[in-house]
Full PDB file with SEQRES, HELIX, SHEET, SSBOND, CRYST1, ORIGX, SCALE, CONECT and MASTER records, all heavy atoms in Angstrom:
SEQRES   1 A   40  MET ALA GLY LEU TRP ALA TYR PHE LEU LYS GLN ALA ARG          
SEQRES   2 A   40  GLN SER GLU ALA LEU ALA ALA GLU GLN GLN ALA LYS GLN          
SEQRES   3 A   40  ALA LEU GLU ALA ALA VAL ALA GLU GLY THR ALA GLU LEU          
SEQRES   4 A   40  ARG                                                          
HELIX    1 AA1 ALA A    2  ALA A   12  1                                  11    
HELIX    2 AA2 ARG A   13  SER A   15  5                                   3    
HELIX    3 AA3 LEU A   18  LEU A   39  1                                  22    
CRYST1    1.000    1.000    1.000  90.00  90.00  90.00 P 1           1          
ORIGX1      1.000000  0.000000  0.000000        0.00000                         
ORIGX2      0.000000  1.000000  0.000000        0.00000                         
ORIGX3      0.000000  0.000000  1.000000        0.00000                         
SCALE1      1.000000  0.000000  0.000000        0.00000                         
SCALE2      0.000000  1.000000  0.000000        0.00000                         
SCALE3      0.000000  0.000000  1.000000        0.00000                         
ATOM      1  N   MET A   1       4.786  -6.577 -15.463  1.00  0.00           N  
ATOM      2  CA  MET A   1       4.089  -5.355 -15.776  1.00  0.00           C  
ATOM      3  C   MET A   1       4.039  -4.461 -14.563  1.00  0.00           C  
ATOM      4  O   MET A   1       4.103  -3.276 -14.654  1.00  0.00           O  
ATOM      5  CB  MET A   1       2.693  -5.775 -16.190  1.00  0.00           C  
ATOM      6  CG  MET A   1       2.605  -6.441 -17.526  1.00  0.00           C  
ATOM      7  SD  MET A   1       0.887  -6.961 -17.983  1.00  0.00           S  
ATOM      8  CE  MET A   1       0.155  -5.378 -17.890  1.00  0.00           C  
ATOM      9  N   ALA A   2       3.899  -5.084 -13.368  1.00  0.00           N  
ATOM     10  CA  ALA A   2       3.925  -4.223 -12.148  1.00  0.00           C  
ATOM     11  C   ALA A   2       5.233  -3.475 -11.973  1.00  0.00           C  
ATOM     12  O   ALA A   2       5.282  -2.265 -11.654  1.00  0.00           O  
ATOM     13  CB  ALA A   2       3.651  -5.142 -10.948  1.00  0.00           C  
ATOM     14  N   GLY A   3       6.421  -4.183 -12.364  1.00  0.00           N  
ATOM     15  CA  GLY A   3       7.634  -3.434 -12.297  1.00  0.00           C  
ATOM     16  C   GLY A   3       7.692  -2.383 -13.287  1.00  0.00           C  
ATOM     17  O   GLY A   3       8.196  -1.199 -13.021  1.00  0.00           O  
ATOM     18  N   LEU A   4       7.260  -2.626 -14.468  1.00  0.00           N  
ATOM     19  CA  LEU A   4       7.299  -1.598 -15.481  1.00  0.00           C  
ATOM     20  C   LEU A   4       6.342  -0.360 -15.153  1.00  0.00           C  
ATOM     21  O   LEU A   4       6.608   0.772 -15.486  1.00  0.00           O  
ATOM     22  CB  LEU A   4       6.843  -2.177 -16.905  1.00  0.00           C  
ATOM     23  CG  LEU A   4       7.827  -3.270 -17.487  1.00  0.00           C  
ATOM     24  CD1 LEU A   4       7.101  -3.777 -18.752  1.00  0.00           C  
ATOM     25  CD2 LEU A   4       9.080  -2.446 -17.944  1.00  0.00           C  
ATOM     26  N   TRP A   5       5.230  -0.761 -14.584  1.00  0.00           N  
ATOM     27  CA  TRP A   5       4.261   0.303 -14.105  1.00  0.00           C  
ATOM     28  C   TRP A   5       4.920   1.203 -13.228  1.00  0.00           C  
ATOM     29  O   TRP A   5       4.836   2.443 -13.204  1.00  0.00           O  
ATOM     30  CB  TRP A   5       3.051  -0.373 -13.537  1.00  0.00           C  
ATOM     31  CG  TRP A   5       2.015   0.550 -13.051  1.00  0.00           C  
ATOM     32  CD1 TRP A   5       2.047   1.340 -11.890  1.00  0.00           C  
ATOM     33  CD2 TRP A   5       0.808   0.948 -13.710  1.00  0.00           C  
ATOM     34  NE1 TRP A   5       0.889   2.039 -11.817  1.00  0.00           N  
ATOM     35  CE2 TRP A   5       0.176   1.842 -12.844  1.00  0.00           C  
ATOM     36  CE3 TRP A   5       0.148   0.515 -14.869  1.00  0.00           C  
ATOM     37  CZ2 TRP A   5      -1.115   2.345 -13.191  1.00  0.00           C  
ATOM     38  CZ3 TRP A   5      -1.097   0.975 -15.218  1.00  0.00           C  
ATOM     39  CH2 TRP A   5      -1.713   1.913 -14.373  1.00  0.00           C  
ATOM     40  N   ALA A   6       5.686   0.646 -12.135  1.00  0.00           N  
ATOM     41  CA  ALA A   6       6.345   1.422 -11.139  1.00  0.00           C  
ATOM     42  C   ALA A   6       7.503   2.311 -11.822  1.00  0.00           C  
ATOM     43  O   ALA A   6       7.722   3.439 -11.404  1.00  0.00           O  
ATOM     44  CB  ALA A   6       6.948   0.524 -10.123  1.00  0.00           C  
ATOM     45  N   TYR A   7       8.157   1.691 -12.796  1.00  0.00           N  
ATOM     46  CA  TYR A   7       9.216   2.422 -13.474  1.00  0.00           C  
ATOM     47  C   TYR A   7       8.652   3.707 -14.175  1.00  0.00           C  
ATOM     48  O   TYR A   7       9.225   4.773 -14.046  1.00  0.00           O  
ATOM     49  CB  TYR A   7       9.997   1.482 -14.401  1.00  0.00           C  
ATOM     50  CG  TYR A   7      11.011   2.308 -15.152  1.00  0.00           C  
ATOM     51  CD1 TYR A   7      12.197   2.618 -14.629  1.00  0.00           C  
ATOM     52  CD2 TYR A   7      10.780   2.601 -16.583  1.00  0.00           C  
ATOM     53  CE1 TYR A   7      13.150   3.282 -15.407  1.00  0.00           C  
ATOM     54  CE2 TYR A   7      11.701   3.276 -17.270  1.00  0.00           C  
ATOM     55  CZ  TYR A   7      12.901   3.641 -16.813  1.00  0.00           C  
ATOM     56  OH  TYR A   7      13.850   4.272 -17.520  1.00  0.00           O  
ATOM     57  N   PHE A   8       7.661   3.566 -14.898  1.00  0.00           N  
ATOM     58  CA  PHE A   8       7.125   4.689 -15.650  1.00  0.00           C  
ATOM     59  C   PHE A   8       6.534   5.701 -14.858  1.00  0.00           C  
ATOM     60  O   PHE A   8       6.534   6.982 -15.023  1.00  0.00           O  
ATOM     61  CB  PHE A   8       5.947   4.129 -16.732  1.00  0.00           C  
ATOM     62  CG  PHE A   8       6.587   3.371 -17.853  1.00  0.00           C  
ATOM     63  CD1 PHE A   8       6.252   2.083 -18.132  1.00  0.00           C  
ATOM     64  CD2 PHE A   8       7.584   3.934 -18.672  1.00  0.00           C  
ATOM     65  CE1 PHE A   8       6.686   1.460 -19.320  1.00  0.00           C  
ATOM     66  CE2 PHE A   8       8.260   3.314 -19.759  1.00  0.00           C  
ATOM     67  CZ  PHE A   8       7.783   2.093 -20.078  1.00  0.00           C  
ATOM     68  N   LEU A   9       5.816   5.296 -13.693  1.00  0.00           N  
ATOM     69  CA  LEU A   9       5.331   6.194 -12.678  1.00  0.00           C  
ATOM     70  C   LEU A   9       6.464   7.079 -12.111  1.00  0.00           C  
ATOM     71  O   LEU A   9       6.321   8.225 -11.862  1.00  0.00           O  
ATOM     72  CB  LEU A   9       4.606   5.509 -11.696  1.00  0.00           C  
ATOM     73  CG  LEU A   9       3.180   5.034 -12.085  1.00  0.00           C  
ATOM     74  CD1 LEU A   9       2.472   4.325 -10.869  1.00  0.00           C  
ATOM     75  CD2 LEU A   9       2.199   6.224 -12.569  1.00  0.00           C  
ATOM     76  N   LYS A  10       7.538   6.456 -11.835  1.00  0.00           N  
ATOM     77  CA  LYS A  10       8.603   7.084 -11.287  1.00  0.00           C  
ATOM     78  C   LYS A  10       9.281   8.107 -12.196  1.00  0.00           C  
ATOM     79  O   LYS A  10       9.618   9.288 -11.788  1.00  0.00           O  
ATOM     80  CB  LYS A  10       9.802   6.045 -10.930  1.00  0.00           C  
ATOM     81  CG  LYS A  10      11.026   6.668 -10.330  1.00  0.00           C  
ATOM     82  CD  LYS A  10      12.085   5.524 -10.099  1.00  0.00           C  
ATOM     83  CE  LYS A  10      13.454   6.251  -9.606  1.00  0.00           C  
ATOM     84  NZ  LYS A  10      14.476   5.146  -9.356  1.00  0.00           N  
ATOM     85  N   GLN A  11       9.295   7.841 -13.577  1.00  0.00           N  
ATOM     86  CA  GLN A  11       9.729   8.808 -14.458  1.00  0.00           C  
ATOM     87  C   GLN A  11       8.874   9.950 -14.632  1.00  0.00           C  
ATOM     88  O   GLN A  11       9.240  11.081 -14.882  1.00  0.00           O  
ATOM     89  CB  GLN A  11       9.872   8.052 -15.841  1.00  0.00           C  
ATOM     90  CG  GLN A  11      10.945   7.012 -15.902  1.00  0.00           C  
ATOM     91  CD  GLN A  11      12.358   7.557 -15.740  1.00  0.00           C  
ATOM     92  OE1 GLN A  11      12.711   8.589 -16.279  1.00  0.00           O  
ATOM     93  NE2 GLN A  11      13.214   6.892 -14.994  1.00  0.00           N  
ATOM     94  N   ALA A  12       7.590   9.665 -14.483  1.00  0.00           N  
ATOM     95  CA  ALA A  12       6.511  10.753 -14.497  1.00  0.00           C  
ATOM     96  C   ALA A  12       6.641  11.785 -13.349  1.00  0.00           C  
ATOM     97  O   ALA A  12       6.219  12.905 -13.517  1.00  0.00           O  
ATOM     98  CB  ALA A  12       5.068  10.188 -14.577  1.00  0.00           C  
ATOM     99  N   ARG A  13       7.100  11.296 -12.279  1.00  0.00           N  
ATOM    100  CA  ARG A  13       7.072  12.205 -11.084  1.00  0.00           C  
ATOM    101  C   ARG A  13       8.485  12.977 -10.857  1.00  0.00           C  
ATOM    102  O   ARG A  13       8.727  13.524  -9.881  1.00  0.00           O  
ATOM    103  CB  ARG A  13       6.809  11.312  -9.785  1.00  0.00           C  
ATOM    104  CG  ARG A  13       5.416  10.750  -9.763  1.00  0.00           C  
ATOM    105  CD  ARG A  13       5.137  10.203  -8.355  1.00  0.00           C  
ATOM    106  NE  ARG A  13       3.796   9.767  -8.253  1.00  0.00           N  
ATOM    107  CZ  ARG A  13       3.437   8.517  -8.548  1.00  0.00           C  
ATOM    108  NH1 ARG A  13       4.217   7.572  -8.873  1.00  0.00           N  
ATOM    109  NH2 ARG A  13       2.056   8.268  -8.216  1.00  0.00           N  
ATOM    110  N   GLN A  14       9.481  12.771 -11.804  1.00  0.00           N  
ATOM    111  CA  GLN A  14      10.725  13.378 -11.649  1.00  0.00           C  
ATOM    112  C   GLN A  14      10.668  14.865 -11.608  1.00  0.00           C  
ATOM    113  O   GLN A  14      11.539  15.447 -11.027  1.00  0.00           O  
ATOM    114  CB  GLN A  14      11.673  12.777 -12.740  1.00  0.00           C  
ATOM    115  CG  GLN A  14      12.129  11.438 -12.609  1.00  0.00           C  
ATOM    116  CD  GLN A  14      13.095  11.007 -13.702  1.00  0.00           C  
ATOM    117  OE1 GLN A  14      13.229  11.789 -14.729  1.00  0.00           O  
ATOM    118  NE2 GLN A  14      13.821   9.862 -13.492  1.00  0.00           N  
ATOM    119  N   SER A  15       9.629  15.392 -12.217  1.00  0.00           N  
ATOM    120  CA  SER A  15       9.586  16.908 -12.272  1.00  0.00           C  
ATOM    121  C   SER A  15       8.938  17.458 -10.935  1.00  0.00           C  
ATOM    122  O   SER A  15       8.926  18.672 -10.734  1.00  0.00           O  
ATOM    123  CB  SER A  15       8.698  17.387 -13.396  1.00  0.00           C  
ATOM    124  OG  SER A  15       7.429  16.732 -13.275  1.00  0.00           O  
ATOM    125  N   GLU A  16       8.454  16.620 -10.097  1.00  0.00           N  
ATOM    126  CA  GLU A  16       7.872  17.129  -8.826  1.00  0.00           C  
ATOM    127  C   GLU A  16       9.064  17.364  -7.844  1.00  0.00           C  
ATOM    128  O   GLU A  16      10.169  17.001  -7.971  1.00  0.00           O  
ATOM    129  CB  GLU A  16       6.975  16.161  -8.262  1.00  0.00           C  
ATOM    130  CG  GLU A  16       5.713  15.811  -9.142  1.00  0.00           C  
ATOM    131  CD  GLU A  16       4.704  14.811  -8.533  1.00  0.00           C  
ATOM    132  OE1 GLU A  16       5.076  14.250  -7.405  1.00  0.00           O  
ATOM    133  OE2 GLU A  16       3.687  14.617  -9.105  1.00  0.00           O  
ATOM    134  N   ALA A  17       8.604  17.945  -6.759  1.00  0.00           N  
ATOM    135  CA  ALA A  17       9.445  18.295  -5.647  1.00  0.00           C  
ATOM    136  C   ALA A  17      10.144  16.986  -5.131  1.00  0.00           C  
ATOM    137  O   ALA A  17       9.565  15.865  -5.189  1.00  0.00           O  
ATOM    138  CB  ALA A  17       8.763  19.059  -4.553  1.00  0.00           C  
ATOM    139  N   LEU A  18      11.339  17.130  -4.490  1.00  0.00           N  
ATOM    140  CA  LEU A  18      12.097  15.995  -3.988  1.00  0.00           C  
ATOM    141  C   LEU A  18      11.236  15.297  -2.893  1.00  0.00           C  
ATOM    142  O   LEU A  18      11.274  14.070  -2.948  1.00  0.00           O  
ATOM    143  CB  LEU A  18      13.430  16.546  -3.370  1.00  0.00           C  
ATOM    144  CG  LEU A  18      14.320  15.453  -2.793  1.00  0.00           C  
ATOM    145  CD1 LEU A  18      14.735  14.401  -3.840  1.00  0.00           C  
ATOM    146  CD2 LEU A  18      15.585  16.188  -2.140  1.00  0.00           C  
ATOM    147  N   ALA A  19      10.641  15.991  -2.101  1.00  0.00           N  
ATOM    148  CA  ALA A  19       9.831  15.340  -0.964  1.00  0.00           C  
ATOM    149  C   ALA A  19       8.625  14.454  -1.650  1.00  0.00           C  
ATOM    150  O   ALA A  19       8.411  13.353  -1.144  1.00  0.00           O  
ATOM    151  CB  ALA A  19       9.264  16.331  -0.049  1.00  0.00           C  
ATOM    152  N   ALA A  20       7.932  15.116  -2.542  1.00  0.00           N  
ATOM    153  CA  ALA A  20       6.811  14.374  -3.159  1.00  0.00           C  
ATOM    154  C   ALA A  20       7.290  13.184  -4.021  1.00  0.00           C  
ATOM    155  O   ALA A  20       6.786  12.079  -3.990  1.00  0.00           O  
ATOM    156  CB  ALA A  20       6.052  15.338  -4.089  1.00  0.00           C  
ATOM    157  N   GLU A  21       8.578  13.358  -4.653  1.00  0.00           N  
ATOM    158  CA  GLU A  21       9.101  12.331  -5.346  1.00  0.00           C  
ATOM    159  C   GLU A  21       9.488  11.124  -4.481  1.00  0.00           C  
ATOM    160  O   GLU A  21       9.279   9.888  -4.819  1.00  0.00           O  
ATOM    161  CB  GLU A  21      10.305  12.849  -6.182  1.00  0.00           C  
ATOM    162  CG  GLU A  21      10.915  11.753  -7.139  1.00  0.00           C  
ATOM    163  CD  GLU A  21      12.106  12.244  -7.888  1.00  0.00           C  
ATOM    164  OE1 GLU A  21      12.353  13.525  -7.751  1.00  0.00           O  
ATOM    165  OE2 GLU A  21      12.768  11.453  -8.456  1.00  0.00           O  
ATOM    166  N   GLN A  22      10.154  11.472  -3.303  1.00  0.00           N  
ATOM    167  CA  GLN A  22      10.551  10.402  -2.337  1.00  0.00           C  
ATOM    168  C   GLN A  22       9.321   9.622  -1.829  1.00  0.00           C  
ATOM    169  O   GLN A  22       9.341   8.431  -1.572  1.00  0.00           O  
ATOM    170  CB  GLN A  22      11.347  11.045  -1.324  1.00  0.00           C  
ATOM    171  CG  GLN A  22      12.734  11.421  -1.733  1.00  0.00           C  
ATOM    172  CD  GLN A  22      13.628  10.351  -2.191  1.00  0.00           C  
ATOM    173  OE1 GLN A  22      13.592   9.261  -1.706  1.00  0.00           O  
ATOM    174  NE2 GLN A  22      14.448  10.688  -3.189  1.00  0.00           N  
ATOM    175  N   GLN A  23       8.262  10.476  -1.494  1.00  0.00           N  
ATOM    176  CA  GLN A  23       7.099   9.812  -0.905  1.00  0.00           C  
ATOM    177  C   GLN A  23       6.397   8.965  -1.944  1.00  0.00           C  
ATOM    178  O   GLN A  23       6.016   7.811  -1.580  1.00  0.00           O  
ATOM    179  CB  GLN A  23       6.069  10.926  -0.535  1.00  0.00           C  
ATOM    180  CG  GLN A  23       4.819  10.389   0.151  1.00  0.00           C  
ATOM    181  CD  GLN A  23       3.953  11.534   0.558  1.00  0.00           C  
ATOM    182  OE1 GLN A  23       4.243  12.714   0.372  1.00  0.00           O  
ATOM    183  NE2 GLN A  23       2.776  11.113   1.165  1.00  0.00           N  
ATOM    184  N   ALA A  24       6.308   9.375  -3.249  1.00  0.00           N  
ATOM    185  CA  ALA A  24       5.717   8.546  -4.166  1.00  0.00           C  
ATOM    186  C   ALA A  24       6.634   7.227  -4.477  1.00  0.00           C  
ATOM    187  O   ALA A  24       6.128   6.196  -4.618  1.00  0.00           O  
ATOM    188  CB  ALA A  24       5.601   9.279  -5.541  1.00  0.00           C  
ATOM    189  N   LYS A  25       7.899   7.406  -4.359  1.00  0.00           N  
ATOM    190  CA  LYS A  25       8.795   6.383  -4.521  1.00  0.00           C  
ATOM    191  C   LYS A  25       8.628   5.283  -3.460  1.00  0.00           C  
ATOM    192  O   LYS A  25       8.621   4.027  -3.744  1.00  0.00           O  
ATOM    193  CB  LYS A  25      10.294   6.765  -4.634  1.00  0.00           C  
ATOM    194  CG  LYS A  25      11.299   5.725  -4.770  1.00  0.00           C  
ATOM    195  CD  LYS A  25      12.740   6.303  -4.828  1.00  0.00           C  
ATOM    196  CE  LYS A  25      13.773   5.089  -4.802  1.00  0.00           C  
ATOM    197  NZ  LYS A  25      15.120   5.751  -4.895  1.00  0.00           N  
ATOM    198  N   GLN A  26       8.503   5.676  -2.265  1.00  0.00           N  
ATOM    199  CA  GLN A  26       8.372   4.743  -1.062  1.00  0.00           C  
ATOM    200  C   GLN A  26       6.963   4.029  -1.161  1.00  0.00           C  
ATOM    201  O   GLN A  26       6.901   2.791  -0.997  1.00  0.00           O  
ATOM    202  CB  GLN A  26       8.330   5.523   0.119  1.00  0.00           C  
ATOM    203  CG  GLN A  26       9.726   6.063   0.579  1.00  0.00           C  
ATOM    204  CD  GLN A  26       9.687   6.896   1.847  1.00  0.00           C  
ATOM    205  OE1 GLN A  26       8.769   7.101   2.491  1.00  0.00           O  
ATOM    206  NE2 GLN A  26      10.887   7.436   2.139  1.00  0.00           N  
ATOM    207  N   ALA A  27       5.893   4.767  -1.648  1.00  0.00           N  
ATOM    208  CA  ALA A  27       4.661   4.139  -1.854  1.00  0.00           C  
ATOM    209  C   ALA A  27       4.667   3.015  -2.930  1.00  0.00           C  
ATOM    210  O   ALA A  27       4.154   1.966  -2.777  1.00  0.00           O  
ATOM    211  CB  ALA A  27       3.652   5.193  -2.144  1.00  0.00           C  
ATOM    212  N   LEU A  28       5.427   3.365  -3.971  1.00  0.00           N  
ATOM    213  CA  LEU A  28       5.494   2.416  -5.082  1.00  0.00           C  
ATOM    214  C   LEU A  28       6.293   1.177  -4.697  1.00  0.00           C  
ATOM    215  O   LEU A  28       5.977   0.067  -4.959  1.00  0.00           O  
ATOM    216  CB  LEU A  28       6.232   3.098  -6.344  1.00  0.00           C  
ATOM    217  CG  LEU A  28       5.307   4.075  -7.110  1.00  0.00           C  
ATOM    218  CD1 LEU A  28       6.105   4.772  -8.169  1.00  0.00           C  
ATOM    219  CD2 LEU A  28       4.203   3.291  -7.756  1.00  0.00           C  
ATOM    220  N   GLU A  29       7.489   1.387  -3.989  1.00  0.00           N  
ATOM    221  CA  GLU A  29       8.264   0.293  -3.489  1.00  0.00           C  
ATOM    222  C   GLU A  29       7.452  -0.604  -2.554  1.00  0.00           C  
ATOM    223  O   GLU A  29       7.617  -1.876  -2.563  1.00  0.00           O  
ATOM    224  CB  GLU A  29       9.608   0.872  -2.816  1.00  0.00           C  
ATOM    225  CG  GLU A  29      10.513   1.503  -3.812  1.00  0.00           C  
ATOM    226  CD  GLU A  29      11.653   1.999  -3.032  1.00  0.00           C  
ATOM    227  OE1 GLU A  29      11.645   2.008  -1.860  1.00  0.00           O  
ATOM    228  OE2 GLU A  29      12.695   2.358  -3.716  1.00  0.00           O  
ATOM    229  N   ALA A  30       6.648   0.082  -1.709  1.00  0.00           N  
ATOM    230  CA  ALA A  30       5.881  -0.761  -0.738  1.00  0.00           C  
ATOM    231  C   ALA A  30       4.773  -1.630  -1.661  1.00  0.00           C  
ATOM    232  O   ALA A  30       4.568  -2.754  -1.234  1.00  0.00           O  
ATOM    233  CB  ALA A  30       5.118   0.074   0.235  1.00  0.00           C  
ATOM    234  N   ALA A  31       4.205  -0.909  -2.489  1.00  0.00           N  
ATOM    235  CA  ALA A  31       3.246  -1.652  -3.363  1.00  0.00           C  
ATOM    236  C   ALA A  31       3.924  -2.758  -4.222  1.00  0.00           C  
ATOM    237  O   ALA A  31       3.280  -3.854  -4.274  1.00  0.00           O  
ATOM    238  CB  ALA A  31       2.565  -0.667  -4.318  1.00  0.00           C  
ATOM    239  N   VAL A  32       5.096  -2.515  -4.724  1.00  0.00           N  
ATOM    240  CA  VAL A  32       5.810  -3.740  -5.370  1.00  0.00           C  
ATOM    241  C   VAL A  32       6.120  -4.832  -4.442  1.00  0.00           C  
ATOM    242  O   VAL A  32       5.938  -5.936  -4.766  1.00  0.00           O  
ATOM    243  CB  VAL A  32       7.100  -3.072  -6.082  1.00  0.00           C  
ATOM    244  CG1 VAL A  32       7.876  -4.180  -6.645  1.00  0.00           C  
ATOM    245  CG2 VAL A  32       6.683  -2.109  -7.199  1.00  0.00           C  
ATOM    246  N   ALA A  33       6.600  -4.519  -3.255  1.00  0.00           N  
ATOM    247  CA  ALA A  33       6.936  -5.562  -2.226  1.00  0.00           C  
ATOM    248  C   ALA A  33       5.804  -6.372  -1.895  1.00  0.00           C  
ATOM    249  O   ALA A  33       5.899  -7.578  -1.831  1.00  0.00           O  
ATOM    250  CB  ALA A  33       7.591  -4.891  -1.106  1.00  0.00           C  
ATOM    251  N   GLU A  34       4.609  -5.694  -1.660  1.00  0.00           N  
ATOM    252  CA  GLU A  34       3.427  -6.302  -1.225  1.00  0.00           C  
ATOM    253  C   GLU A  34       2.932  -7.285  -2.395  1.00  0.00           C  
ATOM    254  O   GLU A  34       2.531  -8.413  -2.229  1.00  0.00           O  
ATOM    255  CB  GLU A  34       2.370  -5.359  -0.877  1.00  0.00           C  
ATOM    256  CG  GLU A  34       1.113  -6.019  -0.430  1.00  0.00           C  
ATOM    257  CD  GLU A  34       0.028  -4.987  -0.035  1.00  0.00           C  
ATOM    258  OE1 GLU A  34       0.333  -3.789  -0.084  1.00  0.00           O  
ATOM    259  OE2 GLU A  34      -1.069  -5.424   0.281  1.00  0.00           O  
ATOM    260  N   GLY A  35       2.974  -6.655  -3.636  1.00  0.00           N  
ATOM    261  CA  GLY A  35       2.645  -7.547  -4.737  1.00  0.00           C  
ATOM    262  C   GLY A  35       3.453  -8.726  -4.942  1.00  0.00           C  
ATOM    263  O   GLY A  35       2.992  -9.822  -5.209  1.00  0.00           O  
ATOM    264  N   THR A  36       4.863  -8.477  -4.770  1.00  0.00           N  
ATOM    265  CA  THR A  36       5.790  -9.600  -4.932  1.00  0.00           C  
ATOM    266  C   THR A  36       5.531 -10.770  -3.907  1.00  0.00           C  
ATOM    267  O   THR A  36       5.542 -11.888  -4.252  1.00  0.00           O  
ATOM    268  CB  THR A  36       7.206  -9.031  -4.861  1.00  0.00           C  
ATOM    269  OG1 THR A  36       7.456  -8.087  -5.847  1.00  0.00           O  
ATOM    270  CG2 THR A  36       8.247 -10.198  -5.048  1.00  0.00           C  
ATOM    271  N   ALA A  37       5.256 -10.304  -2.668  1.00  0.00           N  
ATOM    272  CA  ALA A  37       5.002 -11.328  -1.672  1.00  0.00           C  
ATOM    273  C   ALA A  37       3.731 -12.198  -1.940  1.00  0.00           C  
ATOM    274  O   ALA A  37       3.708 -13.307  -1.713  1.00  0.00           O  
ATOM    275  CB  ALA A  37       4.877 -10.561  -0.273  1.00  0.00           C  
ATOM    276  N   GLU A  38       2.706 -11.438  -2.382  1.00  0.00           N  
ATOM    277  CA  GLU A  38       1.463 -12.142  -2.815  1.00  0.00           C  
ATOM    278  C   GLU A  38       1.684 -13.124  -3.896  1.00  0.00           C  
ATOM    279  O   GLU A  38       1.197 -14.349  -3.931  1.00  0.00           O  
ATOM    280  CB  GLU A  38       0.409 -11.178  -3.075  1.00  0.00           C  
ATOM    281  CG  GLU A  38      -0.125 -10.325  -1.905  1.00  0.00           C  
ATOM    282  CD  GLU A  38      -1.219  -9.376  -2.266  1.00  0.00           C  
ATOM    283  OE1 GLU A  38      -1.358  -9.235  -3.506  1.00  0.00           O  
ATOM    284  OE2 GLU A  38      -1.664  -8.600  -1.393  1.00  0.00           O  
ATOM    285  N   LEU A  39       2.493 -12.635  -4.914  1.00  0.00           N  
ATOM    286  CA  LEU A  39       2.749 -13.497  -6.124  1.00  0.00           C  
ATOM    287  C   LEU A  39       3.546 -14.759  -5.675  1.00  0.00           C  
ATOM    288  O   LEU A  39       3.391 -15.799  -6.059  1.00  0.00           O  
ATOM    289  CB  LEU A  39       3.504 -12.734  -7.157  1.00  0.00           C  
ATOM    290  CG  LEU A  39       2.611 -11.699  -7.842  1.00  0.00           C  
ATOM    291  CD1 LEU A  39       3.468 -10.899  -8.752  1.00  0.00           C  
ATOM    292  CD2 LEU A  39       1.518 -12.416  -8.676  1.00  0.00           C  
ATOM    293  N   ARG A  40       4.551 -14.512  -4.699  1.00  0.00           N  
ATOM    294  CA  ARG A  40       5.343 -15.644  -4.231  1.00  0.00           C  
ATOM    295  C   ARG A  40       4.505 -16.627  -3.505  1.00  0.00           C  
ATOM    296  O   ARG A  40       4.695 -17.892  -3.566  1.00  0.00           O  
ATOM    297  CB  ARG A  40       6.487 -15.091  -3.412  1.00  0.00           C  
ATOM    298  CG  ARG A  40       7.585 -14.358  -4.243  1.00  0.00           C  
ATOM    299  CD  ARG A  40       8.684 -13.912  -3.296  1.00  0.00           C  
ATOM    300  NE  ARG A  40       9.789 -13.223  -4.087  1.00  0.00           N  
ATOM    301  CZ  ARG A  40      10.722 -12.559  -3.495  1.00  0.00           C  
ATOM    302  NH1 ARG A  40      10.782 -12.311  -2.179  1.00  0.00           N  
ATOM    303  NH2 ARG A  40      11.685 -12.066  -4.322  1.00  0.00           N  
TER     304      ARG A  40                                                      
MASTER        0    0    0    3    0    0    0    6  303    1    0    4          
END                                                                             
């Protein structure tokens, strides 16, 4: 579900500017990595 959540958020931000999109992408990837480490 966390992966799906990240995917749908990424789709929602595609209309934003490139910088905001990249920033949001990095934040999501960090959140996913942290969640994955905790789950492991």
